Amino acid sequence: MKRLRKFLRLTSRERQLVINTFILLGLIRLALWLLPFQTLRRLLAKISQPSPKAQGVNQTNLSKIVGAVNLSSRYMPGGVKCLARALTTQVLMSRCGYSPQLRIGVAKGEGGKLEAHAWVENQGQVVIGYLRDLSRFTPLPSFKGGKL
């Protein structure tokens, strides 16, 4: 009940952002499971075009986007992996006029096990997917054109 009251205290625009983010995150999770990554990238590139409503960007909008992704991730059944969170953040940021960069890095874990992690950067700053030991991941080359 407390969570519902918190949700209802949001402005209508913030509620819409959270609902849209939850739906997009669910669809991206499903698509990661069903589609080849190249196909998903092409689909996400189509929906990542900046919205005509996005005339300027500011840090408040960015923090709201990240907040909506974090909130949606918390309530997504089955949990959410870093790649789905990063792709969702990238799509939402692109639609708001930002120029996010999706980064995927790999590292060797204990026992030589390969680990991968995805995060999004904006102007060199990690927006989502920050880890205390992020520096141990070696970023893979960016996708062609730096976009989806």
Protein backbone atom coordinates (compact mmCIF):
# COMPACT_ATOMS: atom_id res chain seq x y z
CA MET A 1 0.00 0.00 0.00
CA LYS A 2 2.89 2.32 0.79
CA ARG A 3 4.34 1.74 -2.67
CA LEU A 4 1.03 2.51 -4.33
CA ARG A 5 0.74 5.77 -2.39
CA LYS A 6 4.31 6.66 -3.42
CA PHE A 7 3.43 5.94 -7.05
CA LEU A 8 0.27 8.03 -6.87
CA ARG A 9 2.24 10.96 -5.43
CA LEU A 10 4.24 11.17 -8.66
CA THR A 11 3.15 13.70 -11.25
CA SER A 12 1.16 12.30 -14.15
CA ARG A 13 4.18 12.76 -16.41
CA GLU A 14 6.41 10.81 -14.02
CA ARG A 15 3.83 8.04 -13.72
CA GLN A 16 3.62 7.83 -17.51
CA LEU A 17 7.42 7.60 -17.72
CA VAL A 18 7.50 4.77 -15.17
CA ILE A 19 4.72 2.86 -16.94
CA ASN A 20 6.34 3.31 -20.37
CA THR A 21 9.71 2.28 -18.96
CA PHE A 22 8.24 -0.83 -17.36
CA ILE A 23 6.63 -1.86 -20.66
CA LEU A 24 9.77 -1.10 -22.70
CA LEU A 25 11.98 -2.98 -20.24
CA GLY A 26 9.68 -6.01 -20.41
CA LEU A 27 9.66 -5.95 -24.19
CA ILE A 28 13.44 -5.64 -24.38
CA ARG A 29 13.84 -8.58 -21.99
CA LEU A 30 11.51 -10.63 -24.16
CA ALA A 31 13.27 -9.54 -27.36
CA LEU A 32 16.69 -10.42 -25.92
CA TRP A 33 15.35 -13.89 -25.35
CA LEU A 34 13.65 -14.29 -28.76
CA LEU A 35 15.61 -12.26 -31.30
CA PRO A 36 19.18 -12.20 -32.55
CA PHE A 37 21.00 -9.19 -31.08
CA GLN A 38 21.51 -7.55 -34.50
CA THR A 39 17.77 -7.67 -35.16
CA LEU A 40 17.05 -6.20 -31.74
CA ARG A 41 19.58 -3.42 -32.37
CA ARG A 42 17.84 -2.49 -35.63
CA LEU A 43 14.43 -2.45 -33.94
CA LEU A 44 15.69 -0.34 -31.06
CA ALA A 45 17.40 2.06 -33.46
CA LYS A 46 14.03 2.69 -35.10
CA ILE A 47 12.29 3.53 -31.85
CA SER A 48 15.25 5.50 -30.48
CA GLN A 49 14.73 8.48 -32.73
CA PRO A 50 14.46 11.68 -30.69
CA SER A 51 10.93 12.64 -29.90
CA PRO A 52 9.76 15.93 -31.42
CA LYS A 53 8.80 16.94 -27.89
CA ALA A 54 12.44 16.67 -26.77
CA GLN A 55 13.68 20.15 -27.59
CA GLY A 56 16.34 20.39 -24.92
CA VAL A 57 17.91 18.10 -22.46
CA ASN A 58 18.69 18.66 -18.84
CA GLN A 59 20.04 16.61 -15.98
CA THR A 60 16.65 16.45 -14.28
CA ASN A 61 15.21 14.50 -17.16
CA LEU A 62 18.22 12.17 -17.13
CA SER A 63 17.84 11.46 -13.43
CA LYS A 64 14.14 10.76 -13.95
CA ILE A 65 14.92 8.33 -16.76
CA VAL A 66 17.45 6.47 -14.63
CA GLY A 67 15.05 6.52 -11.69
CA ALA A 68 12.27 5.07 -13.84
CA VAL A 69 14.57 2.29 -15.12
CA ASN A 70 15.72 1.47 -11.60
CA LEU A 71 12.16 1.46 -10.27
CA SER A 72 10.88 -0.66 -13.15
CA SER A 73 13.78 -3.09 -12.73
CA ARG A 74 12.96 -3.52 -9.06
CA TYR A 75 9.39 -4.62 -9.80
CA MET A 76 10.02 -6.63 -12.97
CA PRO A 77 9.15 -10.28 -12.38
CA GLY A 78 12.16 -12.55 -12.70
CA GLY A 79 14.71 -9.77 -12.28
CA VAL A 80 16.51 -7.77 -14.93
CA LYS A 81 20.01 -8.20 -16.28
CA CYS A 82 22.35 -5.29 -16.93
CA LEU A 83 22.01 -5.49 -20.74
CA ALA A 84 18.23 -5.03 -20.67
CA ARG A 85 18.58 -2.12 -18.24
CA ALA A 86 21.29 -0.52 -20.38
CA LEU A 87 19.34 -0.90 -23.63
CA THR A 88 16.18 0.52 -22.04
CA THR A 89 18.11 3.49 -20.68
CA GLN A 90 19.75 4.08 -24.05
CA VAL A 91 16.42 4.08 -25.89
CA LEU A 92 14.79 6.46 -23.42
CA MET A 93 17.78 8.80 -23.38
CA SER A 94 17.98 8.87 -27.18
CA ARG A 95 14.28 9.70 -27.39
CA CYS A 96 14.88 12.64 -25.04
CA GLY A 97 17.70 14.03 -27.17
CA TYR A 98 20.72 12.72 -25.26
CA SER A 99 23.63 10.93 -26.95
CA PRO A 100 24.14 7.90 -24.73
CA GLN A 101 26.82 5.33 -25.38
CA LEU A 102 26.13 1.67 -24.66
CA ARG A 103 29.23 -0.04 -23.32
CA ILE A 104 29.69 -3.76 -22.96
CA GLY A 105 32.76 -4.96 -21.15
CA VAL A 106 34.27 -8.32 -20.36
CA ALA A 107 36.51 -9.49 -17.54
CA LYS A 108 37.91 -12.69 -16.15
CA GLY A 109 36.37 -13.56 -12.84
CA GLU A 110 37.64 -15.84 -10.17
CA GLY A 111 38.70 -19.16 -11.59
CA GLY A 112 39.11 -17.68 -15.07
CA LYS A 113 35.37 -17.51 -15.71
CA LEU A 114 34.41 -14.94 -18.32
CA GLU A 115 32.10 -12.19 -17.06
CA ALA A 116 30.32 -9.51 -19.05
CA HIS A 117 28.64 -6.30 -18.00
CA ALA A 118 26.71 -3.58 -19.83
CA TRP A 119 26.41 0.05 -18.85
CA VAL A 120 25.48 3.37 -20.41
CA GLU A 121 27.63 6.47 -20.44
CA ASN A 122 26.66 10.03 -21.20
CA GLN A 123 29.47 12.50 -21.83
CA GLY A 124 31.96 10.08 -20.29
CA GLN A 125 29.94 9.58 -17.09
CA VAL A 126 28.34 6.27 -16.19
CA VAL A 127 24.59 6.81 -16.11
CA ILE A 128 23.42 3.31 -15.32
CA GLY A 129 25.24 0.07 -14.64
CA TYR A 130 27.93 1.51 -12.38
CA LEU A 131 29.93 -1.07 -10.44
CA ARG A 132 32.56 -0.38 -7.82
CA ASP A 133 34.97 -2.56 -9.79
CA LEU A 134 33.86 -1.41 -13.24
CA SER A 135 37.46 -0.67 -14.20
CA ARG A 136 38.27 -4.38 -14.33
CA PHE A 137 35.96 -4.77 -17.36
CA THR A 138 37.59 -4.23 -20.72
CA PRO A 139 35.11 -2.41 -22.96
CA LEU A 140 34.41 -4.04 -26.29
CA PRO A 141 34.58 -1.82 -29.38
CA SER A 142 31.53 0.38 -29.74
CA PHE A 143 28.85 -0.47 -32.22
CA LYS A 144 29.09 1.08 -35.65
CA GLY A 145 28.32 4.76 -35.40
CA GLY A 146 28.23 4.60 -31.60
CA LYS A 147 24.46 4.17 -31.64
CA LEU A 148 22.16 1.23 -31.55
